Amino acid sequence: MPAYTFPQDLLDAQAALTQVQAERDAFARTLPWSAEPMPGWEAPKQLHSDYRPHKDASPGYTPEQVQHLAQLRARILELTTLVVTHPYWATLDGPDRVQARTALKHAHEPTDTEV
């Protein structure tokens, strides 16, 4: 893949986007399985197994959790828009633009010489 010289503001926006997405993913793992309060359930025993699929009751999300998740999603939308509509992309055509977008997503990963 060819090397690209990305503008610093585009690199910064992509780094922030990656960080906020990771923050959102980590936060989502702490949330109950349902946003709304839901009763638990247990399914019938699986064939040839003693396993019974089940879910404990979900208390739903608290107002604070809903607000925090909405803030993270709004920030992701803002940063995605910044990255996708950056003027740099107009300097590339067709497959070069696709390859550059892929390269940008990995621009903050350490290279073999940095490890």
PDB file of N, CA and C in Angstrom:
ATOM      1  N   MET A   1       0.853  -1.181   0.000  1.00  0.00           N
ATOM      2  CA  MET A   1       0.000   0.000   0.000  1.00  0.00           C
ATOM      3  C   MET A   1       0.895   1.238   0.000  1.00  0.00           C
ATOM      4  N   PRO A   2       0.612   2.193  -0.862  1.00  0.00           N
ATOM      5  CA  PRO A   2       1.445   3.394  -0.921  1.00  0.00           C
ATOM      6  C   PRO A   2       1.358   4.210   0.366  1.00  0.00           C
ATOM      7  N   ALA A   3       2.390   4.980   0.610  1.00  0.00           N
ATOM      8  CA  ALA A   3       2.402   5.859   1.787  1.00  0.00           C
ATOM      9  C   ALA A   3       1.643   7.145   1.437  1.00  0.00           C
ATOM     10  N   TYR A   4       0.900   7.652   2.388  1.00  0.00           N
ATOM     11  CA  TYR A   4       0.137   8.880   2.182  1.00  0.00           C
ATOM     12  C   TYR A   4       0.591   9.913   3.203  1.00  0.00           C
ATOM     13  N   THR A   5       0.565  11.154   2.797  1.00  0.00           N
ATOM     14  CA  THR A   5       0.886  12.252   3.698  1.00  0.00           C
ATOM     15  C   THR A   5      -0.423  12.934   4.067  1.00  0.00           C
ATOM     16  N   PHE A   6      -0.954  12.530   5.212  1.00  0.00           N
ATOM     17  CA  PHE A   6      -2.244  13.064   5.649  1.00  0.00           C
ATOM     18  C   PHE A   6      -2.042  14.382   6.388  1.00  0.00           C
ATOM     19  N   PRO A   7      -2.961  15.337   6.226  1.00  0.00           N
ATOM     20  CA  PRO A   7      -2.896  16.570   7.012  1.00  0.00           C
ATOM     21  C   PRO A   7      -3.056  16.236   8.499  1.00  0.00           C
ATOM     22  N   GLN A   8      -2.393  17.008   9.340  1.00  0.00           N
ATOM     23  CA  GLN A   8      -2.411  16.735  10.780  1.00  0.00           C
ATOM     24  C   GLN A   8      -3.818  16.791  11.367  1.00  0.00           C
ATOM     25  N   ASP A   9      -4.654  17.720  10.893  1.00  0.00           N
ATOM     26  CA  ASP A   9      -6.017  17.795  11.449  1.00  0.00           C
ATOM     27  C   ASP A   9      -6.831  16.547  11.107  1.00  0.00           C
ATOM     28  N   LEU A  10      -6.568  15.943   9.954  1.00  0.00           N
ATOM     29  CA  LEU A  10      -7.248  14.698   9.590  1.00  0.00           C
ATOM     30  C   LEU A  10      -6.751  13.538  10.448  1.00  0.00           C
ATOM     31  N   LEU A  11      -5.451  13.478  10.664  1.00  0.00           N
ATOM     32  CA  LEU A  11      -4.885  12.453  11.555  1.00  0.00           C
ATOM     33  C   LEU A  11      -5.444  12.590  12.966  1.00  0.00           C
ATOM     34  N   ASP A  12      -5.531  13.827  13.444  1.00  0.00           N
ATOM     35  CA  ASP A  12      -6.049  14.072  14.797  1.00  0.00           C
ATOM     36  C   ASP A  12      -7.521  13.669  14.912  1.00  0.00           C
ATOM     37  N   ALA A  13      -8.307  13.991  13.886  1.00  0.00           N
ATOM     38  CA  ALA A  13      -9.726  13.640  13.901  1.00  0.00           C
ATOM     39  C   ALA A  13      -9.902  12.114  13.888  1.00  0.00           C
ATOM     40  N   GLN A  14      -9.099  11.407  13.085  1.00  0.00           N
ATOM     41  CA  GLN A  14      -9.195   9.951  13.034  1.00  0.00           C
ATOM     42  C   GLN A  14      -8.783   9.337  14.370  1.00  0.00           C
ATOM     43  N   ALA A  15      -7.727   9.866  14.980  1.00  0.00           N
ATOM     44  CA  ALA A  15      -7.279   9.353  16.284  1.00  0.00           C
ATOM     45  C   ALA A  15      -8.362   9.572  17.338  1.00  0.00           C
ATOM     46  N   ALA A  16      -8.973  10.748  17.332  1.00  0.00           N
ATOM     47  CA  ALA A  16     -10.038  11.032  18.288  1.00  0.00           C
ATOM     48  C   ALA A  16     -11.238  10.125  18.038  1.00  0.00           C
ATOM     49  N   LEU A  17     -11.578   9.880  16.778  1.00  0.00           N
ATOM     50  CA  LEU A  17     -12.688   9.002  16.441  1.00  0.00           C
ATOM     51  C   LEU A  17     -12.437   7.590  16.951  1.00  0.00           C
ATOM     52  N   THR A  18     -11.253   7.084  16.724  1.00  0.00           N
ATOM     53  CA  THR A  18     -10.903   5.740  17.185  1.00  0.00           C
ATOM     54  C   THR A  18     -10.994   5.660  18.708  1.00  0.00           C
ATOM     55  N   GLN A  19     -10.534   6.696  19.391  1.00  0.00           N
ATOM     56  CA  GLN A  19     -10.542   6.720  20.851  1.00  0.00           C
ATOM     57  C   GLN A  19     -11.972   6.775  21.394  1.00  0.00           C
ATOM     58  N   VAL A  20     -12.818   7.607  20.802  1.00  0.00           N
ATOM     59  CA  VAL A  20     -14.200   7.729  21.277  1.00  0.00           C
ATOM     60  C   VAL A  20     -14.984   6.444  20.979  1.00  0.00           C
ATOM     61  N   GLN A  21     -14.718   5.807  19.848  1.00  0.00           N
ATOM     62  CA  GLN A  21     -15.376   4.537  19.550  1.00  0.00           C
ATOM     63  C   GLN A  21     -14.988   3.473  20.576  1.00  0.00           C
ATOM     64  N   ALA A  22     -13.716   3.443  20.958  1.00  0.00           N
ATOM     65  CA  ALA A  22     -13.264   2.479  21.975  1.00  0.00           C
ATOM     66  C   ALA A  22     -13.912   2.789  23.320  1.00  0.00           C
ATOM     67  N   GLU A  23     -14.032   4.074  23.633  1.00  0.00           N
ATOM     68  CA  GLU A  23     -14.683   4.499  24.875  1.00  0.00           C
ATOM     69  C   GLU A  23     -16.148   4.063  24.888  1.00  0.00           C
ATOM     70  N   ARG A  24     -16.841   4.261  23.756  1.00  0.00           N
ATOM     71  CA  ARG A  24     -18.237   3.848  23.631  1.00  0.00           C
ATOM     72  C   ARG A  24     -18.381   2.331  23.786  1.00  0.00           C
ATOM     73  N   ASP A  25     -17.485   1.583  23.139  1.00  0.00           N
ATOM     74  CA  ASP A  25     -17.541   0.119  23.226  1.00  0.00           C
ATOM     75  C   ASP A  25     -17.327  -0.357  24.662  1.00  0.00           C
ATOM     76  N   ALA A  26     -16.359   0.238  25.355  1.00  0.00           N
ATOM     77  CA  ALA A  26     -16.087  -0.139  26.744  1.00  0.00           C
ATOM     78  C   ALA A  26     -17.290   0.205  27.629  1.00  0.00           C
ATOM     79  N   PHE A  27     -17.877   1.358  27.410  1.00  0.00           N
ATOM     80  CA  PHE A  27     -19.047   1.764  28.193  1.00  0.00           C
ATOM     81  C   PHE A  27     -20.227   0.828  27.920  1.00  0.00           C
ATOM     82  N   ALA A  28     -20.430   0.475  26.660  1.00  0.00           N
ATOM     83  CA  ALA A  28     -21.556  -0.394  26.295  1.00  0.00           C
ATOM     84  C   ALA A  28     -21.447  -1.756  26.968  1.00  0.00           C
ATOM     85  N   ARG A  29     -20.229  -2.239  27.180  1.00  0.00           N
ATOM     86  CA  ARG A  29     -20.054  -3.532  27.846  1.00  0.00           C
ATOM     87  C   ARG A  29     -20.497  -3.495  29.312  1.00  0.00           C
ATOM     88  N   THR A  30     -20.611  -2.306  29.892  1.00  0.00           N
ATOM     89  CA  THR A  30     -21.033  -2.185  31.291  1.00  0.00           C
ATOM     90  C   THR A  30     -22.550  -2.052  31.429  1.00  0.00           C
ATOM     91  N   LEU A  31     -23.243  -1.858  30.318  1.00  0.00           N
ATOM     92  CA  LEU A  31     -24.681  -1.596  30.355  1.00  0.00           C
ATOM     93  C   LEU A  31     -25.486  -2.887  30.480  1.00  0.00           C
ATOM     94  N   PRO A  32     -26.704  -2.787  31.030  1.00  0.00           N
ATOM     95  CA  PRO A  32     -27.595  -3.947  31.048  1.00  0.00           C
ATOM     96  C   PRO A  32     -27.902  -4.386  29.612  1.00  0.00           C
ATOM     97  N   TRP A  33     -28.374  -5.611  29.450  1.00  0.00           N
ATOM     98  CA  TRP A  33     -28.608  -6.141  28.105  1.00  0.00           C
ATOM     99  C   TRP A  33     -29.763  -5.467  27.386  1.00  0.00           C
ATOM    100  N   SER A  34     -30.651  -4.791  28.097  1.00  0.00           N
ATOM    101  CA  SER A  34     -31.768  -4.097  27.471  1.00  0.00           C
ATOM    102  C   SER A  34     -31.815  -2.652  27.963  1.00  0.00           C
ATOM    103  N   ALA A  35     -32.073  -1.744  27.041  1.00  0.00           N
ATOM    104  CA  ALA A  35     -32.181  -0.330  27.415  1.00  0.00           C
ATOM    105  C   ALA A  35     -33.418  -0.080  28.274  1.00  0.00           C
ATOM    106  N   GLU A  36     -34.470  -0.833  28.025  1.00  0.00           N
ATOM    107  CA  GLU A  36     -35.711  -0.721  28.793  1.00  0.00           C
ATOM    108  C   GLU A  36     -35.769  -1.860  29.818  1.00  0.00           C
ATOM    109  N   PRO A  37     -36.417  -1.637  30.957  1.00  0.00           N
ATOM    110  CA  PRO A  37     -36.566  -2.749  31.904  1.00  0.00           C
ATOM    111  C   PRO A  37     -37.274  -3.927  31.238  1.00  0.00           C
ATOM    112  N   MET A  38     -36.700  -5.105  31.396  1.00  0.00           N
ATOM    113  CA  MET A  38     -37.263  -6.309  30.790  1.00  0.00           C
ATOM    114  C   MET A  38     -37.135  -7.462  31.774  1.00  0.00           C
ATOM    115  N   PRO A  39     -38.153  -8.333  31.799  1.00  0.00           N
ATOM    116  CA  PRO A  39     -38.043  -9.492  32.681  1.00  0.00           C
ATOM    117  C   PRO A  39     -37.020 -10.488  32.125  1.00  0.00           C
ATOM    118  N   GLY A  40     -36.492 -11.294  33.013  1.00  0.00           N
ATOM    119  CA  GLY A  40     -35.588 -12.346  32.583  1.00  0.00           C
ATOM    120  C   GLY A  40     -36.361 -13.459  31.897  1.00  0.00           C
ATOM    121  N   TRP A  41     -35.655 -14.395  31.309  1.00  0.00           N
ATOM    122  CA  TRP A  41     -36.301 -15.515  30.640  1.00  0.00           C
ATOM    123  C   TRP A  41     -35.377 -16.724  30.621  1.00  0.00           C
ATOM    124  N   GLU A  42     -35.975 -17.876  30.428  1.00  0.00           N
ATOM    125  CA  GLU A  42     -35.211 -19.107  30.276  1.00  0.00           C
ATOM    126  C   GLU A  42     -35.840 -19.908  29.143  1.00  0.00           C
ATOM    127  N   ALA A  43     -35.017 -20.356  28.207  1.00  0.00           N
ATOM    128  CA  ALA A  43     -35.499 -21.131  27.063  1.00  0.00           C
ATOM    129  C   ALA A  43     -35.445 -22.619  27.394  1.00  0.00           C
ATOM    130  N   PRO A  44     -36.104 -23.426  26.594  1.00  0.00           N
ATOM    131  CA  PRO A  44     -36.046 -24.871  26.818  1.00  0.00           C
ATOM    132  C   PRO A  44     -34.614 -25.406  26.686  1.00  0.00           C
ATOM    133  N   LYS A  45     -34.403 -26.543  27.307  1.00  0.00           N
ATOM    134  CA  LYS A  45     -33.111 -27.210  27.253  1.00  0.00           C
ATOM    135  C   LYS A  45     -32.734 -27.488  25.802  1.00  0.00           C
ATOM    136  N   GLN A  46     -31.456 -27.291  25.489  1.00  0.00           N
ATOM    137  CA  GLN A  46     -30.967 -27.542  24.142  1.00  0.00           C
ATOM    138  C   GLN A  46     -30.840 -29.038  23.878  1.00  0.00           C
ATOM    139  N   LEU A  47     -31.112 -29.445  22.671  1.00  0.00           N
ATOM    140  CA  LEU A  47     -31.023 -30.840  22.265  1.00  0.00           C
ATOM    141  C   LEU A  47     -29.595 -31.352  22.463  1.00  0.00           C
ATOM    142  N   HIS A  48     -29.452 -32.528  23.036  1.00  0.00           N
ATOM    143  CA  HIS A  48     -28.157 -33.181  23.275  1.00  0.00           C
ATOM    144  C   HIS A  48     -27.269 -32.375  24.222  1.00  0.00           C
ATOM    145  N   SER A  49     -27.859 -31.620  25.105  1.00  0.00           N
ATOM    146  CA  SER A  49     -27.091 -30.788  26.019  1.00  0.00           C
ATOM    147  C   SER A  49     -27.939 -30.504  27.251  1.00  0.00           C
ATOM    148  N   ASP A  50     -27.268 -30.166  28.331  1.00  0.00           N
ATOM    149  CA  ASP A  50     -27.987 -29.737  29.528  1.00  0.00           C
ATOM    150  C   ASP A  50     -28.114 -28.211  29.577  1.00  0.00           C
ATOM    151  N   TYR A  51     -27.602 -27.541  28.562  1.00  0.00           N
ATOM    152  CA  TYR A  51     -27.601 -26.084  28.536  1.00  0.00           C
ATOM    153  C   TYR A  51     -29.005 -25.534  28.325  1.00  0.00           C
ATOM    154  N   ARG A  52     -29.373 -24.571  29.174  1.00  0.00           N
ATOM    155  CA  ARG A  52     -30.634 -23.851  29.045  1.00  0.00           C
ATOM    156  C   ARG A  52     -30.312 -22.364  28.854  1.00  0.00           C
ATOM    157  N   PRO A  53     -30.507 -21.839  27.644  1.00  0.00           N
ATOM    158  CA  PRO A  53     -30.260 -20.402  27.429  1.00  0.00           C
ATOM    159  C   PRO A  53     -31.139 -19.570  28.361  1.00  0.00           C
ATOM    160  N   HIS A  54     -30.566 -18.501  28.902  1.00  0.00           N
ATOM    161  CA  HIS A  54     -31.348 -17.648  29.798  1.00  0.00           C
ATOM    162  C   HIS A  54     -30.747 -16.248  29.866  1.00  0.00           C
ATOM    163  N   LYS A  55     -31.541 -15.324  30.314  1.00  0.00           N
ATOM    164  CA  LYS A  55     -31.113 -13.955  30.604  1.00  0.00           C
ATOM    165  C   LYS A  55     -31.730 -13.562  31.933  1.00  0.00           C
ATOM    166  N   ASP A  56     -30.931 -12.932  32.767  1.00  0.00           N
ATOM    167  CA  ASP A  56     -31.472 -12.377  33.995  1.00  0.00           C
ATOM    168  C   ASP A  56     -32.275 -11.122  33.650  1.00  0.00           C
ATOM    169  N   ALA A  57     -33.102 -10.678  34.548  1.00  0.00           N
ATOM    170  CA  ALA A  57     -33.896  -9.466  34.313  1.00  0.00           C
ATOM    171  C   ALA A  57     -32.958  -8.282  34.093  1.00  0.00           C
ATOM    172  N   SER A  58     -33.385  -7.380  33.226  1.00  0.00           N
ATOM    173  CA  SER A  58     -32.621  -6.163  32.959  1.00  0.00           C
ATOM    174  C   SER A  58     -33.323  -4.982  33.614  1.00  0.00           C
ATOM    175  N   PRO A  59     -32.588  -4.197  34.413  1.00  0.00           N
ATOM    176  CA  PRO A  59     -33.216  -3.027  35.024  1.00  0.00           C
ATOM    177  C   PRO A  59     -33.395  -1.880  34.029  1.00  0.00           C
ATOM    178  N   GLY A  60     -32.817  -2.003  32.828  1.00  0.00           N
ATOM    179  CA  GLY A  60     -32.850  -0.908  31.861  1.00  0.00           C
ATOM    180  C   GLY A  60     -31.728   0.082  32.159  1.00  0.00           C
ATOM    181  N   TYR A  61     -31.572   1.034  31.269  1.00  0.00           N
ATOM    182  CA  TYR A  61     -30.525   2.043  31.443  1.00  0.00           C
ATOM    183  C   TYR A  61     -31.017   3.142  32.378  1.00  0.00           C
ATOM    184  N   THR A  62     -30.112   3.684  33.159  1.00  0.00           N
ATOM    185  CA  THR A  62     -30.440   4.843  33.979  1.00  0.00           C
ATOM    186  C   THR A  62     -30.445   6.082  33.078  1.00  0.00           C
ATOM    187  N   PRO A  63     -31.071   7.162  33.503  1.00  0.00           N
ATOM    188  CA  PRO A  63     -31.033   8.392  32.700  1.00  0.00           C
ATOM    189  C   PRO A  63     -29.593   8.865  32.442  1.00  0.00           C
ATOM    190  N   GLU A  64     -28.712   8.665  33.416  1.00  0.00           N
ATOM    191  CA  GLU A  64     -27.313   9.060  33.248  1.00  0.00           C
ATOM    192  C   GLU A  64     -26.634   8.216  32.162  1.00  0.00           C
ATOM    193  N   GLN A  65     -26.937   6.927  32.151  1.00  0.00           N
ATOM    194  CA  GLN A  65     -26.361   6.042  31.133  1.00  0.00           C
ATOM    195  C   GLN A  65     -26.876   6.418  29.744  1.00  0.00           C
ATOM    196  N   VAL A  66     -28.148   6.706  29.635  1.00  0.00           N
ATOM    197  CA  VAL A  66     -28.736   7.121  28.361  1.00  0.00           C
ATOM    198  C   VAL A  66     -28.061   8.395  27.872  1.00  0.00           C
ATOM    199  N   GLN A  67     -27.878   9.352  28.771  1.00  0.00           N
ATOM    200  CA  GLN A  67     -27.271  10.632  28.405  1.00  0.00           C
ATOM    201  C   GLN A  67     -25.815  10.438  27.977  1.00  0.00           C
ATOM    202  N   HIS A  68     -25.065   9.639  28.724  1.00  0.00           N
ATOM    203  CA  HIS A  68     -23.653   9.422  28.393  1.00  0.00           C
ATOM    204  C   HIS A  68     -23.513   8.717  27.040  1.00  0.00           C
ATOM    205  N   LEU A  69     -24.345   7.726  26.791  1.00  0.00           N
ATOM    206  CA  LEU A  69     -24.315   7.012  25.524  1.00  0.00           C
ATOM    207  C   LEU A  69     -24.671   7.963  24.376  1.00  0.00           C
ATOM    208  N   ALA A  70     -25.650   8.817  24.578  1.00  0.00           N
ATOM    209  CA  ALA A  70     -26.039   9.791  23.547  1.00  0.00           C
ATOM    210  C   ALA A  70     -24.901  10.767  23.265  1.00  0.00           C
ATOM    211  N   GLN A  71     -24.189  11.194  24.310  1.00  0.00           N
ATOM    212  CA  GLN A  71     -23.054  12.105  24.122  1.00  0.00           C
ATOM    213  C   GLN A  71     -21.945  11.427  23.317  1.00  0.00           C
ATOM    214  N   LEU A  72     -21.660  10.172  23.636  1.00  0.00           N
ATOM    215  CA  LEU A  72     -20.625   9.444  22.893  1.00  0.00           C
ATOM    216  C   LEU A  72     -21.031   9.273  21.425  1.00  0.00           C
ATOM    217  N   ARG A  73     -22.281   8.920  21.195  1.00  0.00           N
ATOM    218  CA  ARG A  73     -22.756   8.748  19.816  1.00  0.00           C
ATOM    219  C   ARG A  73     -22.707  10.064  19.045  1.00  0.00           C
ATOM    220  N   ALA A  74     -23.071  11.159  19.688  1.00  0.00           N
ATOM    221  CA  ALA A  74     -23.025  12.467  19.031  1.00  0.00           C
ATOM    222  C   ALA A  74     -21.588  12.847  18.680  1.00  0.00           C
ATOM    223  N   ARG A  75     -20.665  12.559  19.579  1.00  0.00           N
ATOM    224  CA  ARG A  75     -19.251  12.865  19.308  1.00  0.00           C
ATOM    225  C   ARG A  75     -18.723  11.997  18.166  1.00  0.00           C
ATOM    226  N   ILE A  76     -19.125  10.732  18.126  1.00  0.00           N
ATOM    227  CA  ILE A  76     -18.721   9.854  17.030  1.00  0.00           C
ATOM    228  C   ILE A  76     -19.256  10.381  15.701  1.00  0.00           C
ATOM    229  N   LEU A  77     -20.500  10.815  15.682  1.00  0.00           N
ATOM    230  CA  LEU A  77     -21.091  11.368  14.461  1.00  0.00           C
ATOM    231  C   LEU A  77     -20.338  12.620  14.014  1.00  0.00           C
ATOM    232  N   GLU A  78     -20.028  13.479  14.963  1.00  0.00           N
ATOM    233  CA  GLU A  78     -19.302  14.710  14.660  1.00  0.00           C
ATOM    234  C   GLU A  78     -17.920  14.402  14.066  1.00  0.00           C
ATOM    235  N   LEU A  79     -17.187  13.497  14.698  1.00  0.00           N
ATOM    236  CA  LEU A  79     -15.846  13.160  14.217  1.00  0.00           C
ATOM    237  C   LEU A  79     -15.891  12.402  12.889  1.00  0.00           C
ATOM    238  N   THR A  80     -16.859  11.527  12.726  1.00  0.00           N
ATOM    239  CA  THR A  80     -17.001  10.805  11.457  1.00  0.00           C
ATOM    240  C   THR A  80     -17.259  11.778  10.322  1.00  0.00           C
ATOM    241  N   THR A  81     -18.121  12.736  10.557  1.00  0.00           N
ATOM    242  CA  THR A  81     -18.420  13.748   9.546  1.00  0.00           C
ATOM    243  C   THR A  81     -17.168  14.543   9.199  1.00  0.00           C
ATOM    244  N   LEU A  82     -16.398  14.896  10.226  1.00  0.00           N
ATOM    245  CA  LEU A  82     -15.157  15.632  10.008  1.00  0.00           C
ATOM    246  C   LEU A  82     -14.182  14.842   9.139  1.00  0.00           C
ATOM    247  N   VAL A  83     -14.025  13.557   9.430  1.00  0.00           N
ATOM    248  CA  VAL A  83     -13.094  12.711   8.680  1.00  0.00           C
ATOM    249  C   VAL A  83     -13.589  12.497   7.251  1.00  0.00           C
ATOM    250  N   VAL A  84     -14.838  12.127   7.101  1.00  0.00           N
ATOM    251  CA  VAL A  84     -15.371  11.757   5.786  1.00  0.00           C
ATOM    252  C   VAL A  84     -15.454  12.949   4.837  1.00  0.00           C
ATOM    253  N   THR A  85     -15.735  14.129   5.356  1.00  0.00           N
ATOM    254  CA  THR A  85     -15.899  15.305   4.487  1.00  0.00           C
ATOM    255  C   THR A  85     -14.639  16.164   4.402  1.00  0.00           C
ATOM    256  N   HIS A  86     -13.525  15.677   4.904  1.00  0.00           N
ATOM    257  CA  HIS A  86     -12.286  16.462   4.882  1.00  0.00           C
ATOM    258  C   HIS A  86     -11.879  16.757   3.432  1.00  0.00           C
ATOM    259  N   PRO A  87     -11.419  17.966   3.154  1.00  0.00           N
ATOM    260  CA  PRO A  87     -11.022  18.343   1.789  1.00  0.00           C
ATOM    261  C   PRO A  87      -9.897  17.474   1.198  1.00  0.00           C
ATOM    262  N   TYR A  88      -9.133  16.819   2.046  1.00  0.00           N
ATOM    263  CA  TYR A  88      -8.033  15.976   1.560  1.00  0.00           C
ATOM    264  C   TYR A  88      -8.526  14.910   0.594  1.00  0.00           C
ATOM    265  N   TRP A  89      -9.720  14.367   0.817  1.00  0.00           N
ATOM    266  CA  TRP A  89     -10.214  13.276  -0.018  1.00  0.00           C
ATOM    267  C   TRP A  89     -10.442  13.718  -1.458  1.00  0.00           C
ATOM    268  N   ALA A  90     -10.676  15.004  -1.684  1.00  0.00           N
ATOM    269  CA  ALA A  90     -10.876  15.514  -3.046  1.00  0.00           C
ATOM    270  C   ALA A  90      -9.585  15.488  -3.856  1.00  0.00           C
ATOM    271  N   THR A  91      -8.452  15.328  -3.189  1.00  0.00           N
ATOM    272  CA  THR A  91      -7.166  15.281  -3.904  1.00  0.00           C
ATOM    273  C   THR A  91      -6.867  13.887  -4.448  1.00  0.00           C
ATOM    274  N   LEU A  92      -7.698  12.910  -4.129  1.00  0.00           N
ATOM    275  CA  LEU A  92      -7.486  11.527  -4.564  1.00  0.00           C
ATOM    276  C   LEU A  92      -8.656  11.059  -5.413  1.00  0.00           C
ATOM    277  N   ASP A  93      -8.376  10.090  -6.272  1.00  0.00           N
ATOM    278  CA  ASP A  93      -9.422   9.536  -7.134  1.00  0.00           C
ATOM    279  C   ASP A  93      -9.556   8.039  -6.935  1.00  0.00           C
ATOM    280  N   GLY A  94     -10.789   7.538  -7.117  1.00  0.00           N
ATOM    281  CA  GLY A  94     -11.095   6.118  -7.175  1.00  0.00           C
ATOM    282  C   GLY A  94     -10.413   5.255  -6.140  1.00  0.00           C
ATOM    283  N   PRO A  95      -9.690   4.220  -6.615  1.00  0.00           N
ATOM    284  CA  PRO A  95      -9.062   3.269  -5.701  1.00  0.00           C
ATOM    285  C   PRO A  95      -8.052   3.914  -4.747  1.00  0.00           C
ATOM    286  N   ASP A  96      -7.405   4.995  -5.205  1.00  0.00           N
ATOM    287  CA  ASP A  96      -6.456   5.684  -4.314  1.00  0.00           C
ATOM    288  C   ASP A  96      -7.160   6.220  -3.073  1.00  0.00           C
ATOM    289  N   ARG A  97      -8.368   6.730  -3.261  1.00  0.00           N
ATOM    290  CA  ARG A  97      -9.134   7.274  -2.137  1.00  0.00           C
ATOM    291  C   ARG A  97      -9.494   6.156  -1.156  1.00  0.00           C
ATOM    292  N   VAL A  98      -9.883   5.008  -1.677  1.00  0.00           N
ATOM    293  CA  VAL A  98     -10.236   3.866  -0.822  1.00  0.00           C
ATOM    294  C   VAL A  98      -9.005   3.380  -0.058  1.00  0.00           C
ATOM    295  N   GLN A  99      -7.879   3.252  -0.740  1.00  0.00           N
ATOM    296  CA  GLN A  99      -6.641   2.804  -0.087  1.00  0.00           C
ATOM    297  C   GLN A  99      -6.173   3.817   0.954  1.00  0.00           C
ATOM    298  N   ALA A 100      -6.316   5.092   0.645  1.00  0.00           N
ATOM    299  CA  ALA A 100      -5.909   6.129   1.597  1.00  0.00           C
ATOM    300  C   ALA A 100      -6.793   6.091   2.842  1.00  0.00           C
ATOM    301  N   ARG A 101      -8.079   5.864   2.652  1.00  0.00           N
ATOM    302  CA  ARG A 101      -8.991   5.795   3.805  1.00  0.00           C
ATOM    303  C   ARG A 101      -8.609   4.629   4.712  1.00  0.00           C
ATOM    304  N   THR A 102      -8.277   3.504   4.100  1.00  0.00           N
ATOM    305  CA  THR A 102      -7.827   2.348   4.874  1.00  0.00           C
ATOM    306  C   THR A 102      -6.520   2.661   5.593  1.00  0.00           C
ATOM    307  N   ALA A 103      -5.606   3.304   4.896  1.00  0.00           N
ATOM    308  CA  ALA A 103      -4.318   3.669   5.504  1.00  0.00           C
ATOM    309  C   ALA A 103      -4.520   4.630   6.674  1.00  0.00           C
ATOM    310  N   LEU A 104      -5.453   5.570   6.538  1.00  0.00           N
ATOM    311  CA  LEU A 104      -5.712   6.523   7.623  1.00  0.00           C
ATOM    312  C   LEU A 104      -6.187   5.806   8.877  1.00  0.00           C
ATOM    313  N   LYS A 105      -7.026   4.796   8.703  1.00  0.00           N
ATOM    314  CA  LYS A 105      -7.536   4.058   9.861  1.00  0.00           C
ATOM    315  C   LYS A 105      -6.416   3.370  10.635  1.00  0.00           C
ATOM    316  N   HIS A 106      -5.305   3.086   9.966  1.00  0.00           N
ATOM    317  CA  HIS A 106      -4.187   2.390  10.603  1.00  0.00           C
ATOM    318  C   HIS A 106      -2.974   3.294  10.822  1.00  0.00           C
ATOM    319  N   ALA A 107      -3.130   4.574  10.546  1.00  0.00           N
ATOM    320  CA  ALA A 107      -2.003   5.507  10.623  1.00  0.00           C
ATOM    321  C   ALA A 107      -1.419   5.632  12.022  1.00  0.00           C
ATOM    322  N   HIS A 108      -2.211   5.382  13.059  1.00  0.00           N
ATOM    323  CA  HIS A 108      -1.725   5.550  14.432  1.00  0.00           C
ATOM    324  C   HIS A 108      -1.171   4.257  15.023  1.00  0.00           C
ATOM    325  N   GLU A 109      -1.189   3.187  14.242  1.00  0.00           N
ATOM    326  CA  GLU A 109      -0.611   1.934  14.723  1.00  0.00           C
ATOM    327  C   GLU A 109       0.900   2.000  14.586  1.00  0.00           C
ATOM    328  N   PRO A 110       1.634   1.434  15.533  1.00  0.00           N
ATOM    329  CA  PRO A 110       3.092   1.476  15.420  1.00  0.00           C
ATOM    330  C   PRO A 110       3.558   0.656  14.210  1.00  0.00           C
ATOM    331  N   THR A 111       4.587   1.163  13.547  1.00  0.00           N
ATOM    332  CA  THR A 111       5.156   0.438  12.407  1.00  0.00           C
ATOM    333  C   THR A 111       6.192  -0.560  12.932  1.00  0.00           C
ATOM    334  N   ASP A 112       6.686  -1.408  12.059  1.00  0.00           N
ATOM    335  CA  ASP A 112       7.680  -2.412  12.448  1.00  0.00           C
ATOM    336  C   ASP A 112       8.935  -1.762  13.023  1.00  0.00           C
ATOM    337  N   THR A 113       9.296  -0.583  12.527  1.00  0.00           N
ATOM    338  CA  THR A 113      10.490   0.091  13.027  1.00  0.00           C
ATOM    339  C   THR A 113      10.272   0.737  14.389  1.00  0.00           C
ATOM    340  N   GLU A 114       8.999   0.970  14.751  1.00  0.00           N
ATOM    341  CA  GLU A 114       8.692   1.611  16.045  1.00  0.00           C
ATOM    342  C   GLU A 114       8.495   0.605  17.158  1.00  0.00           C
ATOM    343  N   VAL A 115       8.373  -0.665  16.838  1.00  0.00           N
ATOM    344  CA  VAL A 115       8.090  -1.681  17.847  1.00  0.00           C
ATOM    345  C   VAL A 115       9.335  -2.110  18.538  1.00  0.00           C
TER     346      VAL A 115
END
